[in-house]
Protein backbone atom coordinates (compact mmCIF):
# COMPACT_ATOMS: atom_id res chain seq x y z
CA MET A 1 207.14 -49.62 103.34
CA THR A 2 207.49 -53.01 104.82
CA LEU A 3 205.21 -54.35 106.75
CA ILE A 4 206.80 -54.46 110.53
CA HIS A 5 207.48 -50.29 109.42
CA THR A 6 204.10 -49.97 109.32
CA LEU A 7 202.94 -52.72 112.70
CA LEU A 8 205.83 -51.45 114.80
CA PRO A 9 205.72 -47.64 115.63
CA THR A 10 208.23 -45.55 114.79
CA THR A 11 210.25 -44.67 118.61
CA LEU A 12 210.81 -49.24 119.08
CA LEU A 13 212.13 -49.63 116.06
CA ALA A 14 215.00 -47.23 116.88
CA GLN A 15 215.51 -48.97 120.24
CA THR A 16 218.41 -51.66 119.51
CA PRO A 17 220.29 -53.47 122.95
CA PRO A 18 223.64 -52.10 123.43
CA ALA A 19 226.31 -53.66 121.99
CA GLY A 20 228.20 -55.11 124.00
CA GLY A 21 226.65 -57.40 125.96
CA ILE A 22 226.81 -57.12 129.88
CA LEU A 23 230.29 -54.78 129.97
CA GLY A 24 228.51 -52.10 127.30
CA ASN A 25 225.85 -50.74 129.95
CA PRO A 26 227.79 -48.23 132.49
CA MET A 27 226.65 -48.73 135.71
CA ILE A 28 227.56 -51.66 135.27
CA MET A 29 231.30 -50.74 134.13
CA MET A 30 231.39 -48.48 137.62
CA GLY A 31 230.45 -50.97 139.94
CA LEU A 32 233.77 -53.13 138.20
CA MET A 33 235.53 -51.01 138.06
CA ILE A 34 234.70 -49.61 142.02
CA VAL A 35 235.34 -53.27 142.91
CA MET A 36 239.25 -53.35 141.28
CA PHE A 37 239.68 -49.93 143.37
CA TYR A 38 239.28 -51.86 146.70
CA PHE A 39 240.83 -54.50 146.13
CA LEU A 40 244.24 -53.29 143.94
CA LEU A 41 244.38 -50.29 146.21
CA ILE A 42 242.42 -49.59 149.43
CA ARG A 43 242.56 -53.18 150.88
CA PRO A 44 246.21 -53.32 150.34
CA GLN A 45 246.78 -50.50 151.55
CA GLN A 46 245.23 -51.19 155.03
CA ARG A 47 246.59 -54.44 155.18
CA GLN A 48 250.16 -52.50 155.91
CA ARG A 49 248.63 -49.87 158.36
CA LYS A 50 248.09 -53.46 160.56
CA GLU A 51 251.08 -54.57 160.16
CA GLN A 52 252.12 -51.09 161.08
CA THR A 53 250.29 -50.58 163.89
CA ALA A 54 250.39 -53.89 164.96
CA ARG A 55 254.82 -53.65 164.64
CA ILE A 56 254.43 -50.09 167.23
CA ALA A 57 252.30 -52.12 169.56
CA ALA A 58 255.04 -55.06 170.57
CA LEU A 59 258.23 -51.84 170.63
CA GLN A 60 260.90 -53.23 172.92
CA ASN A 61 263.50 -51.63 175.09
CA GLY A 62 267.26 -53.02 172.62
CA ASP A 63 264.77 -53.63 169.01
CA LYS A 64 266.29 -52.05 166.41
CA VAL A 65 264.36 -48.95 164.47
CA VAL A 66 264.28 -47.23 161.16
CA THR A 67 262.09 -44.16 161.40
CA ALA A 68 260.74 -41.86 159.14
CA ALA A 69 263.26 -40.10 158.51
CA GLY A 70 265.45 -42.33 157.96
CA ILE A 71 267.11 -42.58 161.47
CA HIS A 72 268.17 -45.68 162.62
CA GLY A 73 269.22 -46.49 166.03
CA ILE A 74 267.91 -48.41 168.93
CA VAL A 75 264.81 -48.54 171.63
CA HIS A 76 265.87 -47.06 175.01
CA ASN A 77 262.50 -45.78 176.08
CA VAL A 78 258.54 -46.91 175.62
CA LYS A 79 255.94 -44.68 176.25
CA GLU A 80 252.74 -44.74 175.90
CA HIS A 81 252.65 -42.37 172.61
CA THR A 82 256.88 -41.79 172.24
CA VAL A 83 260.01 -43.86 171.73
CA MET A 84 263.67 -43.08 172.95
CA VAL A 85 265.87 -43.97 170.21
CA LYS A 86 269.39 -44.17 171.05
CA VAL A 87 270.91 -43.35 168.04
CA ALA A 88 274.78 -42.47 168.62
CA GLU A 89 275.96 -43.04 172.20
CA GLY A 90 274.98 -40.77 174.53
CA THR A 91 272.33 -39.31 171.94
CA MET A 92 268.85 -40.42 172.34
CA ILE A 93 265.68 -38.73 169.78
CA GLU A 94 262.50 -38.58 171.16
CA PHE A 95 260.18 -39.65 168.27
CA ASP A 96 256.56 -40.45 167.73
CA LYS A 97 255.72 -43.74 167.45
CA MET A 98 254.22 -43.18 164.18
CA ALA A 99 257.41 -42.38 163.06
CA ILE A 100 258.77 -46.07 163.11
CA THR A 101 258.58 -47.50 159.39
CA HIS A 102 260.57 -50.48 160.53
CA VAL A 103 261.56 -52.75 163.12
CA HIS A 104 264.02 -55.37 163.66
CA LYS A 105 263.96 -57.67 166.91
CA LYS A 106 266.62 -57.39 169.21
CA GLU A 107 268.15 -61.12 168.56
CA THR A 108 267.11 -63.45 171.58
CA PRO A 109 270.03 -65.21 173.11
CA ALA A 110 269.98 -69.18 171.34
CA THR A 111 269.79 -72.02 173.87
CA LYS A 112 270.69 -74.80 173.47
C-alpha cells in the first residue's frame, strides 16, 4: 500500500470532483434548461398575447379582419365583448373579440 492510502481514509479517496466542471452539476443544468425554456417559449408567447390584446382593443368600424375560423370580413360594430363582422352584403355575424386573429386597419384618405 502506498503512503497516501495509509494516511487518508478510503471514503476521502473515493470522492472525486464531478467530471465536466460546473456544467456537470445536475442542478445547474436544470436551471439552465428553465432559463432556456423561458426565453425560447414563454417570453415570445407572452409578447404575442400582449400584441393580440392591443390589436383587439384598437378595433374600429371599417377594419378588415380575419377570424380564427378563417372568415374574412369588415368590422361593422364593436361591443364590449363581441364584434359584429360584415361578411357579405346584408350578412353580419357576431364574433367574440378573442376570435379575431388578424386586423388590417381601414385605409385613411391621403391628405395633400
